[in-house]
PDB file of N, CA and C in Angstrom:
ATOM      1  N   MET A   1      20.193  19.012  21.268  1.00  0.00           N
ATOM      2  CA  MET A   1      20.395  17.654  21.163  1.00  0.00           C
ATOM      3  C   MET A   1      18.968  16.847  21.388  1.00  0.00           C
ATOM      4  N   LEU A   2      18.118  17.388  22.342  1.00  0.00           N
ATOM      5  CA  LEU A   2      16.745  16.955  22.348  1.00  0.00           C
ATOM      6  C   LEU A   2      16.013  17.184  21.256  1.00  0.00           C
ATOM      7  N   ALA A   3      16.236  18.225  20.621  1.00  0.00           N
ATOM      8  CA  ALA A   3      15.386  18.598  19.423  1.00  0.00           C
ATOM      9  C   ALA A   3      15.682  17.569  18.241  1.00  0.00           C
ATOM     10  N   LEU A   4      16.989  17.335  18.109  1.00  0.00           N
ATOM     11  CA  LEU A   4      17.499  16.492  17.037  1.00  0.00           C
ATOM     12  C   LEU A   4      16.877  15.193  17.368  1.00  0.00           C
ATOM     13  N   PHE A   5      16.849  14.622  18.445  1.00  0.00           N
ATOM     14  CA  PHE A   5      16.304  13.341  18.870  1.00  0.00           C
ATOM     15  C   PHE A   5      14.622  13.264  18.528  1.00  0.00           C
ATOM     16  N   ALA A   6      14.120  14.395  18.767  1.00  0.00           N
ATOM     17  CA  ALA A   6      12.633  14.425  18.492  1.00  0.00           C
ATOM     18  C   ALA A   6      12.337  14.433  16.957  1.00  0.00           C
ATOM     19  N   PHE A   7      13.332  15.073  16.333  1.00  0.00           N
ATOM     20  CA  PHE A   7      13.242  15.270  14.821  1.00  0.00           C
ATOM     21  C   PHE A   7      13.381  13.848  14.290  1.00  0.00           C
ATOM     22  N   ILE A   8      14.386  12.964  14.711  1.00  0.00           N
ATOM     23  CA  ILE A   8      14.665  11.621  14.157  1.00  0.00           C
ATOM     24  C   ILE A   8      13.437  10.723  14.581  1.00  0.00           C
ATOM     25  N   ILE A   9      13.015  10.814  15.727  1.00  0.00           N
ATOM     26  CA  ILE A   9      11.734  10.028  15.933  1.00  0.00           C
ATOM     27  C   ILE A   9      10.568  10.362  14.999  1.00  0.00           C
ATOM     28  N   ALA A  10      10.256  11.616  14.689  1.00  0.00           N
ATOM     29  CA  ALA A  10       9.304  11.994  13.842  1.00  0.00           C
ATOM     30  C   ALA A  10       9.500  11.523  12.371  1.00  0.00           C
ATOM     31  N   LEU A  11      10.634  11.260  12.181  1.00  0.00           N
ATOM     32  CA  LEU A  11      10.912  10.881  10.696  1.00  0.00           C
ATOM     33  C   LEU A  11      10.619   9.339  10.541  1.00  0.00           C
ATOM     34  N   GLN A  12      10.714   8.654  11.746  1.00  0.00           N
ATOM     35  CA  GLN A  12      10.525   7.236  11.740  1.00  0.00           C
ATOM     36  C   GLN A  12       9.022   6.866  11.281  1.00  0.00           C
ATOM     37  N   VAL A  13       8.868   6.024  10.237  1.00  0.00           N
ATOM     38  CA  VAL A  13       7.679   5.595   9.740  1.00  0.00           C
ATOM     39  C   VAL A  13       7.146   4.383  10.449  1.00  0.00           C
ATOM     40  N   GLN A  14       5.763   4.415  11.063  1.00  0.00           N
ATOM     41  CA  GLN A  14       5.351   3.362  11.588  1.00  0.00           C
ATOM     42  C   GLN A  14       4.764   2.374  10.720  1.00  0.00           C
ATOM     43  N   THR A  15       5.041   1.126  11.099  1.00  0.00           N
ATOM     44  CA  THR A  15       4.689  -0.105  10.365  1.00  0.00           C
ATOM     45  C   THR A  15       3.366  -0.718  11.021  1.00  0.00           C
ATOM     46  N   VAL A  16       2.398  -0.984  10.214  1.00  0.00           N
ATOM     47  CA  VAL A  16       1.084  -1.407  10.619  1.00  0.00           C
ATOM     48  C   VAL A  16       0.630  -2.576   9.892  1.00  0.00           C
ATOM     49  N   ALA A  17      -0.281  -3.364  10.401  1.00  0.00           N
ATOM     50  CA  ALA A  17      -0.995  -4.361   9.768  1.00  0.00           C
ATOM     51  C   ALA A  17      -2.165  -3.673   8.866  1.00  0.00           C
ATOM     52  N   PRO A  18      -2.713  -4.292   7.914  1.00  0.00           N
ATOM     53  CA  PRO A  18      -3.764  -3.658   7.163  1.00  0.00           C
ATOM     54  C   PRO A  18      -5.022  -3.387   7.964  1.00  0.00           C
ATOM     55  N   SER A  19      -5.291  -4.419   9.075  1.00  0.00           N
ATOM     56  CA  SER A  19      -6.261  -4.275   9.874  1.00  0.00           C
ATOM     57  C   SER A  19      -6.198  -2.929  10.868  1.00  0.00           C
ATOM     58  N   ALA A  20      -4.979  -2.545  11.108  1.00  0.00           N
ATOM     59  CA  ALA A  20      -4.653  -1.348  11.870  1.00  0.00           C
ATOM     60  C   ALA A  20      -4.424   0.002  11.086  1.00  0.00           C
ATOM     61  N   ALA A  21      -4.639  -0.126   9.766  1.00  0.00           N
ATOM     62  CA  ALA A  21      -4.287   1.053   8.947  1.00  0.00           C
ATOM     63  C   ALA A  21      -5.179   2.243   9.319  1.00  0.00           C
ATOM     64  N   LYS A  22      -6.516   1.995   9.678  1.00  0.00           N
ATOM     65  CA  LYS A  22      -7.423   3.132   9.821  1.00  0.00           C
ATOM     66  C   LYS A  22      -6.896   4.061  10.936  1.00  0.00           C
ATOM     67  N   ALA A  23      -6.154   3.470  11.849  1.00  0.00           N
ATOM     68  CA  ALA A  23      -5.536   4.278  12.936  1.00  0.00           C
ATOM     69  C   ALA A  23      -4.468   5.217  12.546  1.00  0.00           C
ATOM     70  N   VAL A  24      -3.835   5.052  11.298  1.00  0.00           N
ATOM     71  CA  VAL A  24      -2.799   6.039  10.925  1.00  0.00           C
ATOM     72  C   VAL A  24      -3.236   6.907   9.517  1.00  0.00           C
ATOM     73  N   ILE A  25      -4.564   6.985   9.257  1.00  0.00           N
ATOM     74  CA  ILE A  25      -5.034   7.668   8.401  1.00  0.00           C
ATOM     75  C   ILE A  25      -4.473   9.352   8.407  1.00  0.00           C
ATOM     76  N   GLY A  26      -3.825   9.710   7.381  1.00  0.00           N
ATOM     77  CA  GLY A  26      -3.356  11.046   7.541  1.00  0.00           C
ATOM     78  C   GLY A  26      -1.918  11.191   7.701  1.00  0.00           C
ATOM     79  N   LYS A  27      -1.211   9.874   7.991  1.00  0.00           N
ATOM     80  CA  LYS A  27       0.054   9.896   8.469  1.00  0.00           C
ATOM     81  C   LYS A  27       0.840   9.008   7.338  1.00  0.00           C
ATOM     82  N   GLU A  28       2.270   9.272   7.365  1.00  0.00           N
ATOM     83  CA  GLU A  28       3.056   8.352   6.549  1.00  0.00           C
ATOM     84  C   GLU A  28       3.301   7.102   7.422  1.00  0.00           C
ATOM     85  N   ALA A  29       3.065   5.974   6.651  1.00  0.00           N
ATOM     86  CA  ALA A  29       3.210   4.654   7.348  1.00  0.00           C
ATOM     87  C   ALA A  29       3.561   3.515   6.380  1.00  0.00           C
ATOM     88  N   THR A  30       3.990   2.310   6.942  1.00  0.00           N
ATOM     89  CA  THR A  30       4.316   1.203   6.060  1.00  0.00           C
ATOM     90  C   THR A  30       3.228   0.172   6.490  1.00  0.00           C
ATOM     91  N   VAL A  31       2.570  -0.254   5.587  1.00  0.00           N
ATOM     92  CA  VAL A  31       1.377  -1.308   5.748  1.00  0.00           C
ATOM     93  C   VAL A  31       1.883  -2.474   5.005  1.00  0.00           C
ATOM     94  N   CYS A  32       1.978  -3.587   5.917  1.00  0.00           N
ATOM     95  CA  CYS A  32       2.297  -4.833   5.318  1.00  0.00           C
ATOM     96  C   CYS A  32       1.302  -5.962   5.479  1.00  0.00           C
ATOM     97  N   GLY A  33       1.128  -6.701   4.273  1.00  0.00           N
ATOM     98  CA  GLY A  33       0.179  -7.789   4.403  1.00  0.00           C
ATOM     99  C   GLY A  33       0.248  -8.654   2.952  1.00  0.00           C
ATOM    100  N   VAL A  34      -0.722  -9.517   2.863  1.00  0.00           N
ATOM    101  CA  VAL A  34      -0.769 -10.510   1.766  1.00  0.00           C
ATOM    102  C   VAL A  34      -1.653  -9.950   0.719  1.00  0.00           C
ATOM    103  N   VAL A  35      -1.244  -9.857  -0.614  1.00  0.00           N
ATOM    104  CA  VAL A  35      -2.157  -9.406  -1.599  1.00  0.00           C
ATOM    105  C   VAL A  35      -3.205 -10.637  -1.987  1.00  0.00           C
ATOM    106  N   LYS A  36      -4.394 -10.318  -1.411  1.00  0.00           N
ATOM    107  CA  LYS A  36      -5.535 -11.418  -1.603  1.00  0.00           C
ATOM    108  C   LYS A  36      -6.301 -11.250  -2.773  1.00  0.00           C
ATOM    109  N   SER A  37      -6.338 -10.000  -3.211  1.00  0.00           N
ATOM    110  CA  SER A  37      -7.001  -9.863  -4.491  1.00  0.00           C
ATOM    111  C   SER A  37      -6.382  -8.593  -5.231  1.00  0.00           C
ATOM    112  N   ALA A  38      -6.302  -8.628  -6.658  1.00  0.00           N
ATOM    113  CA  ALA A  38      -5.547  -7.834  -7.477  1.00  0.00           C
ATOM    114  C   ALA A  38      -6.283  -7.615  -8.918  1.00  0.00           C
ATOM    115  N   ARG A  39      -6.588  -6.353  -9.130  1.00  0.00           N
ATOM    116  CA  ARG A  39      -7.264  -6.163 -10.368  1.00  0.00           C
ATOM    117  C   ARG A  39      -6.850  -4.671 -10.909  1.00  0.00           C
ATOM    118  N   TRP A  40      -6.750  -4.738 -12.368  1.00  0.00           N
ATOM    119  CA  TRP A  40      -6.630  -3.503 -13.018  1.00  0.00           C
ATOM    120  C   TRP A  40      -7.978  -3.171 -13.613  1.00  0.00           C
ATOM    121  N   ALA A  41      -8.441  -2.041 -13.215  1.00  0.00           N
ATOM    122  CA  ALA A  41      -9.742  -1.559 -13.705  1.00  0.00           C
ATOM    123  C   ALA A  41      -9.596  -0.684 -14.977  1.00  0.00           C
ATOM    124  N   SER A  42      -9.218  -1.363 -16.011  1.00  0.00           N
ATOM    125  CA  SER A  42      -8.841  -0.787 -17.402  1.00  0.00           C
ATOM    126  C   SER A  42      -9.796   0.256 -17.855  1.00  0.00           C
ATOM    127  N   SER A  43     -11.129  -0.096 -17.623  1.00  0.00           N
ATOM    128  CA  SER A  43     -12.189   0.841 -18.127  1.00  0.00           C
ATOM    129  C   SER A  43     -12.699   1.960 -17.333  1.00  0.00           C
ATOM    130  N   SER A  44     -12.125   2.014 -16.061  1.00  0.00           N
ATOM    131  CA  SER A  44     -12.431   3.099 -15.060  1.00  0.00           C
ATOM    132  C   SER A  44     -11.592   4.328 -15.277  1.00  0.00           C
ATOM    133  N   ASN A  45     -12.237   5.365 -14.824  1.00  0.00           N
ATOM    134  CA  ASN A  45     -11.460   6.594 -14.845  1.00  0.00           C
ATOM    135  C   ASN A  45     -10.126   6.388 -14.114  1.00  0.00           C
ATOM    136  N   ARG A  46      -9.073   6.935 -14.791  1.00  0.00           N
ATOM    137  CA  ARG A  46      -7.682   7.085 -14.499  1.00  0.00           C
ATOM    138  C   ARG A  46      -7.088   5.443 -14.346  1.00  0.00           C
ATOM    139  N   LYS A  47      -7.811   4.502 -14.833  1.00  0.00           N
ATOM    140  CA  LYS A  47      -7.364   3.199 -14.921  1.00  0.00           C
ATOM    141  C   LYS A  47      -6.636   2.751 -13.785  1.00  0.00           C
ATOM    142  N   PRO A  48      -7.156   2.643 -12.556  1.00  0.00           N
ATOM    143  CA  PRO A  48      -6.464   2.271 -11.421  1.00  0.00           C
ATOM    144  C   PRO A  48      -6.225   0.744 -11.257  1.00  0.00           C
ATOM    145  N   THR A  49      -4.990   0.404 -10.655  1.00  0.00           N
ATOM    146  CA  THR A  49      -4.955  -1.105 -10.281  1.00  0.00           C
ATOM    147  C   THR A  49      -4.984  -1.065  -8.808  1.00  0.00           C
ATOM    148  N   PHE A  50      -5.722  -2.085  -8.285  1.00  0.00           N
ATOM    149  CA  PHE A  50      -6.090  -2.181  -6.963  1.00  0.00           C
ATOM    150  C   PHE A  50      -5.459  -3.474  -6.367  1.00  0.00           C
ATOM    151  N   LEU A  51      -4.659  -3.251  -5.313  1.00  0.00           N
ATOM    152  CA  LEU A  51      -4.150  -4.379  -4.645  1.00  0.00           C
ATOM    153  C   LEU A  51      -4.680  -4.329  -3.145  1.00  0.00           C
ATOM    154  N   ASN A  52      -5.476  -5.508  -2.856  1.00  0.00           N
ATOM    155  CA  ASN A  52      -6.209  -5.584  -1.682  1.00  0.00           C
ATOM    156  C   ASN A  52      -5.385  -6.480  -0.697  1.00  0.00           C
ATOM    157  N   LEU A  53      -5.059  -5.954   0.543  1.00  0.00           N
ATOM    158  CA  LEU A  53      -4.262  -6.873   1.498  1.00  0.00           C
ATOM    159  C   LEU A  53      -5.136  -7.486   2.468  1.00  0.00           C
ATOM    160  N   ASP A  54      -4.727  -8.703   2.662  1.00  0.00           N
ATOM    161  CA  ASP A  54      -5.339  -9.570   3.811  1.00  0.00           C
ATOM    162  C   ASP A  54      -6.574 -10.177   3.601  1.00  0.00           C
ATOM    163  N   GLU A  55      -7.360  -9.369   3.043  1.00  0.00           N
ATOM    164  CA  GLU A  55      -8.856  -9.842   2.573  1.00  0.00           C
ATOM    165  C   GLU A  55      -9.137  -9.436   1.193  1.00  0.00           C
ATOM    166  N   PRO A  56      -9.735 -10.288   0.392  1.00  0.00           N
ATOM    167  CA  PRO A  56     -10.119  -9.862  -1.017  1.00  0.00           C
ATOM    168  C   PRO A  56     -11.353  -8.891  -1.027  1.00  0.00           C
ATOM    169  N   TYR A  57     -11.248  -8.020  -2.318  1.00  0.00           N
ATOM    170  CA  TYR A  57     -12.480  -7.326  -2.526  1.00  0.00           C
ATOM    171  C   TYR A  57     -13.710  -8.256  -2.576  1.00  0.00           C
ATOM    172  N   PRO A  58     -14.871  -7.874  -1.921  1.00  0.00           N
ATOM    173  CA  PRO A  58     -15.146  -6.673  -1.503  1.00  0.00           C
ATOM    174  C   PRO A  58     -15.096  -6.534   0.168  1.00  0.00           C
ATOM    175  N   LYS A  59     -14.315  -7.404   0.640  1.00  0.00           N
ATOM    176  CA  LYS A  59     -14.189  -7.296   2.023  1.00  0.00           C
ATOM    177  C   LYS A  59     -12.691  -6.777   2.593  1.00  0.00           C
ATOM    178  N   GLN A  60     -12.035  -6.013   1.696  1.00  0.00           N
ATOM    179  CA  GLN A  60     -10.699  -5.590   1.841  1.00  0.00           C
ATOM    180  C   GLN A  60     -10.578  -4.757   3.095  1.00  0.00           C
ATOM    181  N   LEU A  61      -9.389  -4.903   3.756  1.00  0.00           N
ATOM    182  CA  LEU A  61      -9.151  -4.135   4.755  1.00  0.00           C
ATOM    183  C   LEU A  61      -8.219  -2.882   4.446  1.00  0.00           C
ATOM    184  N   PHE A  62      -7.693  -3.073   3.430  1.00  0.00           N
ATOM    185  CA  PHE A  62      -6.595  -1.915   3.119  1.00  0.00           C
ATOM    186  C   PHE A  62      -6.337  -2.070   1.485  1.00  0.00           C
ATOM    187  N   THR A  63      -6.221  -1.074   0.686  1.00  0.00           N
ATOM    188  CA  THR A  63      -5.921  -1.101  -0.689  1.00  0.00           C
ATOM    189  C   THR A  63      -4.826  -0.357  -1.087  1.00  0.00           C
ATOM    190  N   VAL A  64      -4.017  -0.823  -1.816  1.00  0.00           N
ATOM    191  CA  VAL A  64      -3.006  -0.201  -2.636  1.00  0.00           C
ATOM    192  C   VAL A  64      -3.607   0.284  -3.972  1.00  0.00           C
ATOM    193  N   VAL A  65      -3.228   1.539  -4.337  1.00  0.00           N
ATOM    194  CA  VAL A  65      -3.877   2.047  -5.594  1.00  0.00           C
ATOM    195  C   VAL A  65      -2.699   2.480  -6.372  1.00  0.00           C
ATOM    196  N   ILE A  66      -2.646   1.976  -7.609  1.00  0.00           N
ATOM    197  CA  ILE A  66      -1.783   2.598  -8.585  1.00  0.00           C
ATOM    198  C   ILE A  66      -2.416   2.865  -9.901  1.00  0.00           C
ATOM    199  N   PHE A  67      -2.316   4.218 -10.230  1.00  0.00           N
ATOM    200  CA  PHE A  67      -3.044   4.828 -11.380  1.00  0.00           C
ATOM    201  C   PHE A  67      -2.293   4.622 -12.672  1.00  0.00           C
ATOM    202  N   GLU A  68      -2.985   4.671 -13.683  1.00  0.00           N
ATOM    203  CA  GLU A  68      -2.647   4.260 -15.049  1.00  0.00           C
ATOM    204  C   GLU A  68      -1.082   5.015 -15.268  1.00  0.00           C
ATOM    205  N   GLU A  69      -1.001   6.271 -14.997  1.00  0.00           N
ATOM    206  CA  GLU A  69       0.327   7.048 -15.291  1.00  0.00           C
ATOM    207  C   GLU A  69       1.395   6.327 -14.507  1.00  0.00           C
ATOM    208  N   HIS A  70       1.330   5.499 -13.616  1.00  0.00           N
ATOM    209  CA  HIS A  70       2.425   4.963 -12.897  1.00  0.00           C
ATOM    210  C   HIS A  70       2.598   3.379 -13.167  1.00  0.00           C
ATOM    211  N   ARG A  71       1.597   2.751 -13.881  1.00  0.00           N
ATOM    212  CA  ARG A  71       1.659   1.379 -14.252  1.00  0.00           C
ATOM    213  C   ARG A  71       2.899   0.805 -14.768  1.00  0.00           C
ATOM    214  N   ALA A  72       3.366   1.626 -15.982  1.00  0.00           N
ATOM    215  CA  ALA A  72       4.437   1.352 -16.649  1.00  0.00           C
ATOM    216  C   ALA A  72       5.677   1.067 -15.918  1.00  0.00           C
ATOM    217  N   GLN A  73       5.850   1.662 -14.800  1.00  0.00           N
ATOM    218  CA  GLN A  73       6.950   1.459 -13.988  1.00  0.00           C
ATOM    219  C   GLN A  73       7.217   0.032 -13.510  1.00  0.00           C
ATOM    220  N   PHE A  74       5.998  -0.595 -13.504  1.00  0.00           N
ATOM    221  CA  PHE A  74       5.992  -2.127 -12.858  1.00  0.00           C
ATOM    222  C   PHE A  74       5.960  -3.124 -14.100  1.00  0.00           C
ATOM    223  N   THR A  75       7.107  -4.042 -13.924  1.00  0.00           N
ATOM    224  CA  THR A  75       7.167  -5.075 -14.888  1.00  0.00           C
ATOM    225  C   THR A  75       7.546  -6.366 -14.230  1.00  0.00           C
ATOM    226  N   PRO A  76       6.721  -7.391 -14.272  1.00  0.00           N
ATOM    227  CA  PRO A  76       5.338  -7.438 -14.999  1.00  0.00           C
ATOM    228  C   PRO A  76       4.379  -6.692 -14.262  1.00  0.00           C
ATOM    229  N   PRO A  77       3.282  -6.397 -14.716  1.00  0.00           N
ATOM    230  CA  PRO A  77       2.134  -5.594 -14.277  1.00  0.00           C
ATOM    231  C   PRO A  77       1.962  -5.816 -12.920  1.00  0.00           C
ATOM    232  N   PRO A  78       1.571  -4.841 -12.124  1.00  0.00           N
ATOM    233  CA  PRO A  78       1.275  -5.188 -10.513  1.00  0.00           C
ATOM    234  C   PRO A  78       0.290  -6.038 -10.105  1.00  0.00           C
ATOM    235  N   GLU A  79      -0.739  -6.181 -10.964  1.00  0.00           N
ATOM    236  CA  GLU A  79      -1.776  -7.329 -10.542  1.00  0.00           C
ATOM    237  C   GLU A  79      -1.252  -8.670 -10.718  1.00  0.00           C
ATOM    238  N   GLU A  80      -0.162  -8.685 -11.563  1.00  0.00           N
ATOM    239  CA  GLU A  80       0.414 -10.165 -11.640  1.00  0.00           C
ATOM    240  C   GLU A  80       1.701 -10.211 -10.815  1.00  0.00           C
ATOM    241  N   GLN A  81       2.399  -9.269 -10.698  1.00  0.00           N
ATOM    242  CA  GLN A  81       3.626  -9.207  -9.913  1.00  0.00           C
ATOM    243  C   GLN A  81       3.446  -9.602  -8.428  1.00  0.00           C
ATOM    244  N   PHE A  82       2.302  -8.910  -7.956  1.00  0.00           N
ATOM    245  CA  PHE A  82       2.192  -8.883  -6.361  1.00  0.00           C
ATOM    246  C   PHE A  82       1.095  -9.897  -5.940  1.00  0.00           C
ATOM    247  N   GLN A  83       0.193 -10.462  -6.790  1.00  0.00           N
ATOM    248  CA  GLN A  83      -0.853 -11.459  -6.368  1.00  0.00           C
ATOM    249  C   GLN A  83      -0.203 -12.439  -5.592  1.00  0.00           C
ATOM    250  N   ASP A  84      -0.957 -12.653  -4.355  1.00  0.00           N
ATOM    251  CA  ASP A  84      -0.470 -13.683  -3.224  1.00  0.00           C
ATOM    252  C   ASP A  84       0.752 -13.632  -2.802  1.00  0.00           C
ATOM    253  N   LYS A  85       1.424 -12.418  -2.815  1.00  0.00           N
ATOM    254  CA  LYS A  85       2.765 -12.065  -2.266  1.00  0.00           C
ATOM    255  C   LYS A  85       2.579 -11.281  -1.081  1.00  0.00           C
ATOM    256  N   ARG A  86       3.466 -11.343  -0.131  1.00  0.00           N
ATOM    257  CA  ARG A  86       3.414 -10.546   1.020  1.00  0.00           C
ATOM    258  C   ARG A  86       4.194  -9.290   0.777  1.00  0.00           C
ATOM    259  N   ILE A  87       3.577  -8.190   0.982  1.00  0.00           N
ATOM    260  CA  ILE A  87       4.275  -6.876   0.371  1.00  0.00           C
ATOM    261  C   ILE A  87       4.084  -5.935   1.651  1.00  0.00           C
ATOM    262  N   CYS A  88       5.025  -4.911   1.600  1.00  0.00           N
ATOM    263  CA  CYS A  88       4.938  -3.796   2.561  1.00  0.00           C
ATOM    264  C   CYS A  88       4.919  -2.426   1.484  1.00  0.00           C
ATOM    265  N   VAL A  89       3.962  -1.688   1.705  1.00  0.00           N
ATOM    266  CA  VAL A  89       3.769  -0.342   1.066  1.00  0.00           C
ATOM    267  C   VAL A  89       3.929   0.653   1.881  1.00  0.00           C
ATOM    268  N   THR A  90       4.806   1.731   1.414  1.00  0.00           N
ATOM    269  CA  THR A  90       4.956   2.858   2.358  1.00  0.00           C
ATOM    270  C   THR A  90       4.581   4.147   1.529  1.00  0.00           C
ATOM    271  N   GLY A  91       3.807   4.969   2.513  1.00  0.00           N
ATOM    272  CA  GLY A  91       3.184   6.278   1.918  1.00  0.00           C
ATOM    273  C   GLY A  91       2.349   6.899   2.879  1.00  0.00           C
ATOM    274  N   LYS A  92       1.438   7.857   2.435  1.00  0.00           N
ATOM    275  CA  LYS A  92       0.595   8.550   3.275  1.00  0.00           C
ATOM    276  C   LYS A  92      -0.826   7.784   3.174  1.00  0.00           C
ATOM    277  N   VAL A  93      -1.069   7.277   4.285  1.00  0.00           N
ATOM    278  CA  VAL A  93      -2.459   6.679   4.311  1.00  0.00           C
ATOM    279  C   VAL A  93      -3.638   7.468   4.192  1.00  0.00           C
ATOM    280  N   GLU A  94      -4.501   7.341   3.295  1.00  0.00           N
ATOM    281  CA  GLU A  94      -5.619   8.149   3.044  1.00  0.00           C
ATOM    282  C   GLU A  94      -6.855   7.255   3.337  1.00  0.00           C
ATOM    283  N   ASP A  95      -7.924   8.147   3.444  1.00  0.00           N
ATOM    284  CA  ASP A  95      -9.418   7.552   3.650  1.00  0.00           C
ATOM    285  C   ASP A  95      -9.968   7.551   2.156  1.00  0.00           C
ATOM    286  N   PHE A  96     -10.478   6.444   1.737  1.00  0.00           N
ATOM    287  CA  PHE A  96     -11.297   6.526   0.550  1.00  0.00           C
ATOM    288  C   PHE A  96     -12.697   5.807   0.961  1.00  0.00           C
ATOM    289  N   ARG A  97     -13.779   6.487   1.150  1.00  0.00           N
ATOM    290  CA  ARG A  97     -15.067   5.937   1.406  1.00  0.00           C
ATOM    291  C   ARG A  97     -14.975   4.990   2.485  1.00  0.00           C
ATOM    292  N   GLY A  98     -14.311   5.521   3.577  1.00  0.00           N
ATOM    293  CA  GLY A  98     -14.327   4.753   4.795  1.00  0.00           C
ATOM    294  C   GLY A  98     -13.203   3.749   4.921  1.00  0.00           C
ATOM    295  N   LEU A  99     -12.423   3.504   3.851  1.00  0.00           N
ATOM    296  CA  LEU A  99     -11.379   2.430   4.012  1.00  0.00           C
ATOM    297  C   LEU A  99      -9.923   2.967   3.789  1.00  0.00           C
ATOM    298  N   PRO A 100      -8.998   2.534   4.474  1.00  0.00           N
ATOM    299  CA  PRO A 100      -7.711   3.112   4.250  1.00  0.00           C
ATOM    300  C   PRO A 100      -6.844   2.583   3.076  1.00  0.00           C
ATOM    301  N   GLN A 101      -6.244   3.568   2.477  1.00  0.00           N
ATOM    302  CA  GLN A 101      -5.572   3.202   1.172  1.00  0.00           C
ATOM    303  C   GLN A 101      -4.191   4.057   1.139  1.00  0.00           C
ATOM    304  N   ILE A 102      -3.282   3.484   0.242  1.00  0.00           N
ATOM    305  CA  ILE A 102      -2.084   4.257  -0.062  1.00  0.00           C
ATOM    306  C   ILE A 102      -2.122   4.299  -1.511  1.00  0.00           C
ATOM    307  N   VAL A 103      -1.945   5.496  -2.253  1.00  0.00           N
ATOM    308  CA  VAL A 103      -1.732   5.575  -3.589  1.00  0.00           C
ATOM    309  C   VAL A 103      -0.216   5.632  -3.948  1.00  0.00           C
ATOM    310  N   VAL A 104       0.236   4.770  -4.744  1.00  0.00           N
ATOM    311  CA  VAL A 104       1.542   4.572  -5.043  1.00  0.00           C
ATOM    312  C   VAL A 104       1.811   5.217  -6.264  1.00  0.00           C
ATOM    313  N   THR A 105       3.039   6.094  -6.483  1.00  0.00           N
ATOM    314  CA  THR A 105       3.515   6.666  -7.468  1.00  0.00           C
ATOM    315  C   THR A 105       4.973   6.277  -7.906  1.00  0.00           C
ATOM    316  N   GLN A 106       5.504   5.567  -7.157  1.00  0.00           N
ATOM    317  CA  GLN A 106       6.920   4.942  -7.346  1.00  0.00           C
ATOM    318  C   GLN A 106       7.105   3.430  -7.008  1.00  0.00           C
ATOM    319  N   THR A 107       7.806   2.640  -7.986  1.00  0.00           N
ATOM    320  CA  THR A 107       7.991   1.330  -7.400  1.00  0.00           C
ATOM    321  C   THR A 107       8.688   1.050  -6.122  1.00  0.00           C
ATOM    322  N   LYS A 108       9.486   2.054  -5.800  1.00  0.00           N
ATOM    323  CA  LYS A 108      10.236   1.694  -4.532  1.00  0.00           C
ATOM    324  C   LYS A 108       9.353   1.793  -3.238  1.00  0.00           C
ATOM    325  N   GLN A 109       8.017   2.209  -3.357  1.00  0.00           N
ATOM    326  CA  GLN A 109       7.102   2.296  -2.268  1.00  0.00           C
ATOM    327  C   GLN A 109       6.560   0.905  -1.954  1.00  0.00           C
ATOM    328  N   ILE A 110       6.669  -0.139  -2.729  1.00  0.00           N
ATOM    329  CA  ILE A 110       6.297  -1.300  -2.594  1.00  0.00           C
ATOM    330  C   ILE A 110       7.447  -2.352  -2.512  1.00  0.00           C
ATOM    331  N   VAL A 111       7.656  -3.157  -1.466  1.00  0.00           N
ATOM    332  CA  VAL A 111       8.578  -4.339  -1.486  1.00  0.00           C
ATOM    333  C   VAL A 111       8.002  -5.584  -1.066  1.00  0.00           C
ATOM    334  N   ILE A 112       8.503  -6.458  -1.854  1.00  0.00           N
ATOM    335  CA  ILE A 112       8.066  -7.878  -1.523  1.00  0.00           C
ATOM    336  C   ILE A 112       8.804  -8.548  -0.356  1.00  0.00           C
ATOM    337  N   LYS A 113       8.055  -8.979   0.615  1.00  0.00           N
ATOM    338  CA  LYS A 113       8.785  -9.608   1.841  1.00  0.00           C
ATOM    339  C   LYS A 113       8.889 -11.116   1.547  1.00  0.00           C
ATOM    340  N   LYS A 114       9.990 -11.632   1.768  1.00  0.00           N
ATOM    341  CA  LYS A 114      10.185 -13.005   1.773  1.00  0.00           C
ATOM    342  C   LYS A 114       9.539 -13.808   3.040  1.00  0.00           C
ATOM    343  N   ALA A 115       8.928 -14.878   2.754  1.00  0.00           N
ATOM    344  CA  ALA A 115       8.324 -15.608   3.832  1.00  0.00           C
ATOM    345  C   ALA A 115       9.412 -16.078   4.949  1.00  0.00           C
ATOM    346  N   ALA A 116       8.867 -15.980   6.188  1.00  0.00           N
ATOM    347  CA  ALA A 116       9.958 -16.207   7.319  1.00  0.00           C
ATOM    348  C   ALA A 116      10.281 -17.925   7.301  1.00  0.00           C
ATOM    349  N   ARG A 117      11.274 -18.131   7.508  1.00  0.00           N
ATOM    350  CA  ARG A 117      11.498 -19.673   7.438  1.00  0.00           C
ATOM    351  C   ARG A 117      11.445 -20.216   8.908  1.00  0.00           C
TER     352      ARG A 117
END
């Protein structure tokens, strides 16, 4: 029974703010924040879309990355769909040049959160 409880606890994904995402690099987590800048780098290698949470580029705290091969899953395009929205993104938090990010490969990884009333 104790082993089952430990397994269930291990499966729970921690939710953190973009400012705390560095603390969970290497782990599965949910990061929630407002998309302050969004850009499709259509002329860059792998044509990534960047969604920067809580602070716009170049002072972003956390970045959601969607590469070209996964963009077609998003209608409207992610840089339009999520701009200025509060979202939560779930996945493995990675370090990219000293900043935390999650690379999204499925639409279900991003959820738009309604504003609290």
